[in-house]
Every structure is written in structure tokens, then in C-alpha cells.
């Protein structure tokens, strides 16, 4: 990959500027890991609030964690169904065995009624996420930390 193209992407420039602001590699890696993991939360909507709370509690950059959270939205969409399926598997829940068309149709007609009906399935998906998140978060944290430490001192990246 051409490094001049990589340097010009908004995402890379954002994190390079973030590094130059004096944040430690550990804080940057933690910010990215939290943003991705919370961004993959299996309920659409509360990720902004959850990232805000994480930023306040763990003292990471609020703008950076929200940026990662918002760029992670496609991951949330991709992983939401597997979390629901994994949660159903863990708890032996048969509620989620309805066809996808019927599931989406229920939410289009009555979102609150559907949330109540699927309350257990939502809870099960959150439990599944809670089991996966620490492992995935650790992998993301150490991968990002390794990459930052490897490339932060090289002139061609910064």
C-alpha cells in the first residue's frame, strides 16, 4: 500500500494528530478498543451514552471514542444478529427462531411492542456481548498498542 495515500486518509490523520497531542499509546489503544467494543453493542441506540460514560470513567478522549464508535456502526449491524443467535443458544431461547422478514415486520409495525416481546432476546444478546467483549476488547487493545508503538517513531507515517 502506498504510504502517501495512507497518510492522507482522514482516519489516519485524526489518530496521528491525537498521538501528537500527548496521549499515551495505552490511552489511544484503550480508546480504540472501547469505541469498537461499545460500538458493537447489540442494541441500537445507547452506544453514544455508553461511550460517554466510558470516556468519563476511564478518562479517555471523548471525541476520539465517539469517532471510533460512529465509524464502528457497520460492525454493529453485522454483529447484531450473531449476538442475538449466540444469546438464544446460551439460554435455550426459542423466541428468536422466527423468520427474519417477520422479525423486521414486527418492528416496523410496533417498535415498543416488539421490544417488550423480544425483551428476553435483547437481554440474552447483551449477555452474549458481555462474554465476547472482554476477549475482543483485549485483542483490539493489544493489536492497536502494538501498531502504535511500532509505527509512532517512524517518520514516513507521521
C-alpha atoms as a PDB file:
ATOM      1  CA  UNK A   1       0.000   0.000   0.000  1.00  0.00           C
ATOM      2  CA  UNK A   2       1.245   3.459  -0.863  1.00  0.00           C
ATOM      3  CA  UNK A   3       2.075   5.272   2.399  1.00  0.00           C
ATOM      4  CA  UNK A   4       1.268   8.703   0.944  1.00  0.00           C
ATOM      5  CA  UNK A   5      -2.325   7.559   0.385  1.00  0.00           C
ATOM      6  CA  UNK A   6      -2.478   6.101   3.883  1.00  0.00           C
ATOM      7  CA  UNK A   7      -1.243   9.379   5.403  1.00  0.00           C
ATOM      8  CA  UNK A   8      -3.948  11.357   3.614  1.00  0.00           C
ATOM      9  CA  UNK A   9      -6.951   9.444   4.914  1.00  0.00           C
ATOM     10  CA  UNK A  10      -8.993  11.338   7.481  1.00  0.00           C
ATOM     11  CA  UNK A  11      -8.963   8.401   9.868  1.00  0.00           C
ATOM     12  CA  UNK A  12      -5.166   8.108   9.917  1.00  0.00           C
ATOM     13  CA  UNK A  13      -4.668  11.901  10.150  1.00  0.00           C
ATOM     14  CA  UNK A  14      -7.104  12.034  13.068  1.00  0.00           C
ATOM     15  CA  UNK A  15      -5.166   9.456  15.074  1.00  0.00           C
ATOM     16  CA  UNK A  16      -1.789  10.923  14.145  1.00  0.00           C
ATOM     17  CA  UNK A  17      -2.948  14.292  15.470  1.00  0.00           C
ATOM     18  CA  UNK A  18      -4.314  12.517  18.536  1.00  0.00           C
ATOM     19  CA  UNK A  19      -0.911  10.938  19.136  1.00  0.00           C
ATOM     20  CA  UNK A  20       0.791  14.315  18.791  1.00  0.00           C
ATOM     21  CA  UNK A  21      -1.478  15.811  21.484  1.00  0.00           C
ATOM     22  CA  UNK A  22       0.416  13.937  24.155  1.00  0.00           C
ATOM     23  CA  UNK A  23      -1.879  10.961  24.672  1.00  0.00           C
ATOM     24  CA  UNK A  24      -0.047   7.817  25.648  1.00  0.00           C
ATOM     25  CA  UNK A  25      -0.131   4.804  23.342  1.00  0.00           C
ATOM     26  CA  UNK A  26      -2.003   2.915  26.070  1.00  0.00           C
ATOM     27  CA  UNK A  27      -4.757   5.563  26.224  1.00  0.00           C
ATOM     28  CA  UNK A  28      -5.082   5.591  22.451  1.00  0.00           C
ATOM     29  CA  UNK A  29      -5.322   1.799  22.304  1.00  0.00           C
ATOM     30  CA  UNK A  30      -7.864   1.825  25.137  1.00  0.00           C
ATOM     31  CA  UNK A  31      -9.909   4.482  23.357  1.00  0.00           C
ATOM     32  CA  UNK A  32      -9.973   2.493  20.118  1.00  0.00           C
ATOM     33  CA  UNK A  33     -10.759  -0.800  21.863  1.00  0.00           C
ATOM     34  CA  UNK A  34     -13.584   0.721  23.915  1.00  0.00           C
ATOM     35  CA  UNK A  35     -15.014   2.544  20.909  1.00  0.00           C
ATOM     36  CA  UNK A  36     -15.109  -0.630  18.834  1.00  0.00           C
ATOM     37  CA  UNK A  37     -16.421  -2.891  21.577  1.00  0.00           C
ATOM     38  CA  UNK A  38     -19.087  -0.497  22.811  1.00  0.00           C
ATOM     39  CA  UNK A  39     -19.905   0.371  19.213  1.00  0.00           C
ATOM     40  CA  UNK A  40     -20.708  -3.316  18.620  1.00  0.00           C
ATOM     41  CA  UNK A  41     -23.235  -3.366  21.491  1.00  0.00           C
ATOM     42  CA  UNK A  42     -26.214  -5.453  20.274  1.00  0.00           C
ATOM     43  CA  UNK A  43     -28.835  -2.786  20.924  1.00  0.00           C
ATOM     44  CA  UNK A  44     -29.071   0.126  18.507  1.00  0.00           C
ATOM     45  CA  UNK A  45     -29.160   3.491  20.234  1.00  0.00           C
ATOM     46  CA  UNK A  46     -27.335   3.514  23.574  1.00  0.00           C
ATOM     47  CA  UNK A  47     -23.758   3.318  22.278  1.00  0.00           C
ATOM     48  CA  UNK A  48     -23.224   7.084  22.377  1.00  0.00           C
ATOM     49  CA  UNK A  49     -24.250   7.236  26.034  1.00  0.00           C
ATOM     50  CA  UNK A  50     -22.189   4.144  26.879  1.00  0.00           C
ATOM     51  CA  UNK A  51     -19.092   5.614  25.193  1.00  0.00           C
ATOM     52  CA  UNK A  52     -19.622   8.896  27.018  1.00  0.00           C
ATOM     53  CA  UNK A  53     -19.766   7.083  30.350  1.00  0.00           C
ATOM     54  CA  UNK A  54     -16.668   5.031  29.492  1.00  0.00           C
ATOM     55  CA  UNK A  55     -14.770   8.182  28.487  1.00  0.00           C
ATOM     56  CA  UNK A  56     -15.682   9.935  31.725  1.00  0.00           C
ATOM     57  CA  UNK A  57     -14.921   6.966  33.959  1.00  0.00           C
ATOM     58  CA  UNK A  58     -11.702   5.852  32.258  1.00  0.00           C
ATOM     59  CA  UNK A  59     -10.521   9.363  31.326  1.00  0.00           C
ATOM     60  CA  UNK A  60     -10.061   8.783  27.634  1.00  0.00           C
ATOM     61  CA  UNK A  61     -10.583  11.339  24.888  1.00  0.00           C
ATOM     62  CA  UNK A  62     -14.350  11.868  24.457  1.00  0.00           C
ATOM     63  CA  UNK A  63     -14.178  12.956  20.808  1.00  0.00           C
ATOM     64  CA  UNK A  64     -11.905  10.062  19.862  1.00  0.00           C
ATOM     65  CA  UNK A  65     -14.056   7.372  21.483  1.00  0.00           C
ATOM     66  CA  UNK A  66     -17.186   8.791  19.834  1.00  0.00           C
ATOM     67  CA  UNK A  67     -15.394   8.932  16.488  1.00  0.00           C
ATOM     68  CA  UNK A  68     -14.447   5.268  16.778  1.00  0.00           C
ATOM     69  CA  UNK A  69     -17.963   4.433  17.989  1.00  0.00           C
ATOM     70  CA  UNK A  70     -19.584   6.078  14.972  1.00  0.00           C
ATOM     71  CA  UNK A  71     -17.180   4.503  12.488  1.00  0.00           C
ATOM     72  CA  UNK A  72     -17.955   1.127  14.079  1.00  0.00           C
ATOM     73  CA  UNK A  73     -21.658   1.321  13.195  1.00  0.00           C
ATOM     74  CA  UNK A  74     -21.292  -1.156  10.278  1.00  0.00           C
ATOM     75  CA  UNK A  75     -19.719  -3.647  12.696  1.00  0.00           C
ATOM     76  CA  UNK A  76     -22.725  -3.263  14.982  1.00  0.00           C
ATOM     77  CA  UNK A  77     -25.091  -4.011  12.108  1.00  0.00           C
ATOM     78  CA  UNK A  78     -23.037  -7.041  11.036  1.00  0.00           C
ATOM     79  CA  UNK A  79     -22.689  -8.494  14.554  1.00  0.00           C
ATOM     80  CA  UNK A  80     -26.152  -7.772  15.959  1.00  0.00           C
ATOM     81  CA  UNK A  81     -27.761 -10.942  14.611  1.00  0.00           C
ATOM     82  CA  UNK A  82     -24.899 -13.240  15.727  1.00  0.00           C
ATOM     83  CA  UNK A  83     -25.131 -11.795  19.256  1.00  0.00           C
ATOM     84  CA  UNK A  84     -28.867 -12.498  19.309  1.00  0.00           C
ATOM     85  CA  UNK A  85     -28.322 -16.012  17.995  1.00  0.00           C
ATOM     86  CA  UNK A  86     -25.492 -16.666  20.472  1.00  0.00           C
ATOM     87  CA  UNK A  87     -27.628 -15.353  23.326  1.00  0.00           C
ATOM     88  CA  UNK A  88     -30.524 -17.565  22.273  1.00  0.00           C
ATOM     89  CA  UNK A  89     -28.163 -20.526  22.142  1.00  0.00           C
ATOM     90  CA  UNK A  90     -26.760 -19.781  25.610  1.00  0.00           C
ATOM     91  CA  UNK A  91     -30.203 -19.542  27.208  1.00  0.00           C
ATOM     92  CA  UNK A  92     -32.062 -22.073  25.051  1.00  0.00           C
ATOM     93  CA  UNK A  93     -34.423 -19.319  23.918  1.00  0.00           C
ATOM     94  CA  UNK A  94     -36.718 -20.250  21.020  1.00  0.00           C
ATOM     95  CA  UNK A  95     -38.224 -16.737  20.647  1.00  0.00           C
ATOM     96  CA  UNK A  96     -35.679 -15.732  18.069  1.00  0.00           C
ATOM     97  CA  UNK A  97     -36.387 -18.631  15.705  1.00  0.00           C
ATOM     98  CA  UNK A  98     -38.938 -16.633  13.704  1.00  0.00           C
ATOM     99  CA  UNK A  99     -38.101 -15.736  10.092  1.00  0.00           C
ATOM    100  CA  UNK A 100     -36.152 -12.510   9.563  1.00  0.00           C
ATOM    101  CA  UNK A 101     -38.961 -10.971   7.483  1.00  0.00           C
ATOM    102  CA  UNK A 102     -41.451 -11.484  10.315  1.00  0.00           C
ATOM    103  CA  UNK A 103     -38.969 -10.096  12.830  1.00  0.00           C
ATOM    104  CA  UNK A 104     -38.354  -6.895  10.865  1.00  0.00           C
ATOM    105  CA  UNK A 105     -42.062  -6.565  10.096  1.00  0.00           C
ATOM    106  CA  UNK A 106     -42.921  -6.650  13.792  1.00  0.00           C
ATOM    107  CA  UNK A 107     -40.505  -3.795  14.484  1.00  0.00           C
ATOM    108  CA  UNK A 108     -41.863  -1.738  11.601  1.00  0.00           C
ATOM    109  CA  UNK A 109     -45.424  -2.065  12.891  1.00  0.00           C
ATOM    110  CA  UNK A 110     -44.856  -1.595  16.631  1.00  0.00           C
ATOM    111  CA  UNK A 111     -41.352  -0.924  17.881  1.00  0.00           C
ATOM    112  CA  UNK A 112     -42.254  -0.698  21.590  1.00  0.00           C
ATOM    113  CA  UNK A 113     -44.432  -3.802  21.498  1.00  0.00           C
ATOM    114  CA  UNK A 114     -41.645  -5.636  19.711  1.00  0.00           C
ATOM    115  CA  UNK A 115     -39.086  -4.521  22.283  1.00  0.00           C
ATOM    116  CA  UNK A 116     -41.301  -5.858  25.054  1.00  0.00           C
ATOM    117  CA  UNK A 117     -41.913  -9.100  23.170  1.00  0.00           C
ATOM    118  CA  UNK A 118     -38.211  -9.522  22.478  1.00  0.00           C
ATOM    119  CA  UNK A 119     -37.076  -8.290  25.905  1.00  0.00           C
ATOM    120  CA  UNK A 120     -35.591 -11.644  26.858  1.00  0.00           C
ATOM    121  CA  UNK A 121     -33.863 -11.963  23.498  1.00  0.00           C
ATOM    122  CA  UNK A 122     -32.364  -8.499  23.951  1.00  0.00           C
ATOM    123  CA  UNK A 123     -31.164  -9.417  27.434  1.00  0.00           C
ATOM    124  CA  UNK A 124     -29.672 -12.664  26.106  1.00  0.00           C
ATOM    125  CA  UNK A 125     -27.871 -10.796  23.309  1.00  0.00           C
ATOM    126  CA  UNK A 126     -26.412  -8.346  25.828  1.00  0.00           C
ATOM    127  CA  UNK A 127     -25.185 -11.260  27.959  1.00  0.00           C
ATOM    128  CA  UNK A 128     -23.580 -12.801  24.859  1.00  0.00           C
ATOM    129  CA  UNK A 129     -21.938  -9.448  24.107  1.00  0.00           C
ATOM    130  CA  UNK A 130     -20.663  -9.294  27.713  1.00  0.00           C
ATOM    131  CA  UNK A 131     -18.974 -12.664  27.213  1.00  0.00           C
ATOM    132  CA  UNK A 132     -17.372 -11.730  23.888  1.00  0.00           C
ATOM    133  CA  UNK A 133     -16.486  -8.087  24.599  1.00  0.00           C
ATOM    134  CA  UNK A 134     -13.607  -8.608  27.075  1.00  0.00           C
ATOM    135  CA  UNK A 135     -11.854 -11.076  24.758  1.00  0.00           C
ATOM    136  CA  UNK A 136     -12.358  -8.986  21.618  1.00  0.00           C
ATOM    137  CA  UNK A 137     -11.504  -5.810  23.529  1.00  0.00           C
ATOM    138  CA  UNK A 138      -8.237  -7.300  24.749  1.00  0.00           C
ATOM    139  CA  UNK A 139      -7.305  -8.413  21.253  1.00  0.00           C
ATOM    140  CA  UNK A 140      -8.107  -4.981  19.826  1.00  0.00           C
ATOM    141  CA  UNK A 141      -6.280  -3.169  22.634  1.00  0.00           C
ATOM    142  CA  UNK A 142      -3.054  -5.137  22.296  1.00  0.00           C
ATOM    143  CA  UNK A 143      -3.159  -5.064  18.478  1.00  0.00           C
ATOM    144  CA  UNK A 144      -3.619  -1.285  18.375  1.00  0.00           C
ATOM    145  CA  UNK A 145      -0.995  -0.769  21.070  1.00  0.00           C
ATOM    146  CA  UNK A 146       1.489  -2.889  19.112  1.00  0.00           C
ATOM    147  CA  UNK A 147       0.790  -0.958  15.893  1.00  0.00           C
ATOM    148  CA  UNK A 148       1.087   2.428  17.578  1.00  0.00           C
ATOM    149  CA  UNK A 149       4.381   1.524  19.216  1.00  0.00           C
ATOM    150  CA  UNK A 150       5.704   0.012  16.021  1.00  0.00           C
ATOM    151  CA  UNK A 151       4.848   2.954  13.758  1.00  0.00           C
ATOM    152  CA  UNK A 152       4.836   6.006  16.055  1.00  0.00           C
ATOM    153  CA  UNK A 153       8.575   6.581  15.800  1.00  0.00           C
ATOM    154  CA  UNK A 154       8.856   6.222  12.034  1.00  0.00           C
ATOM    155  CA  UNK A 155       8.948   9.462  10.041  1.00  0.00           C
ATOM    156  CA  UNK A 156       7.093   8.136   6.977  1.00  0.00           C
ATOM    157  CA  UNK A 157       3.880   7.504   8.949  1.00  0.00           C
ATOM    158  CA  UNK A 158       3.815  10.712  10.986  1.00  0.00           C
END
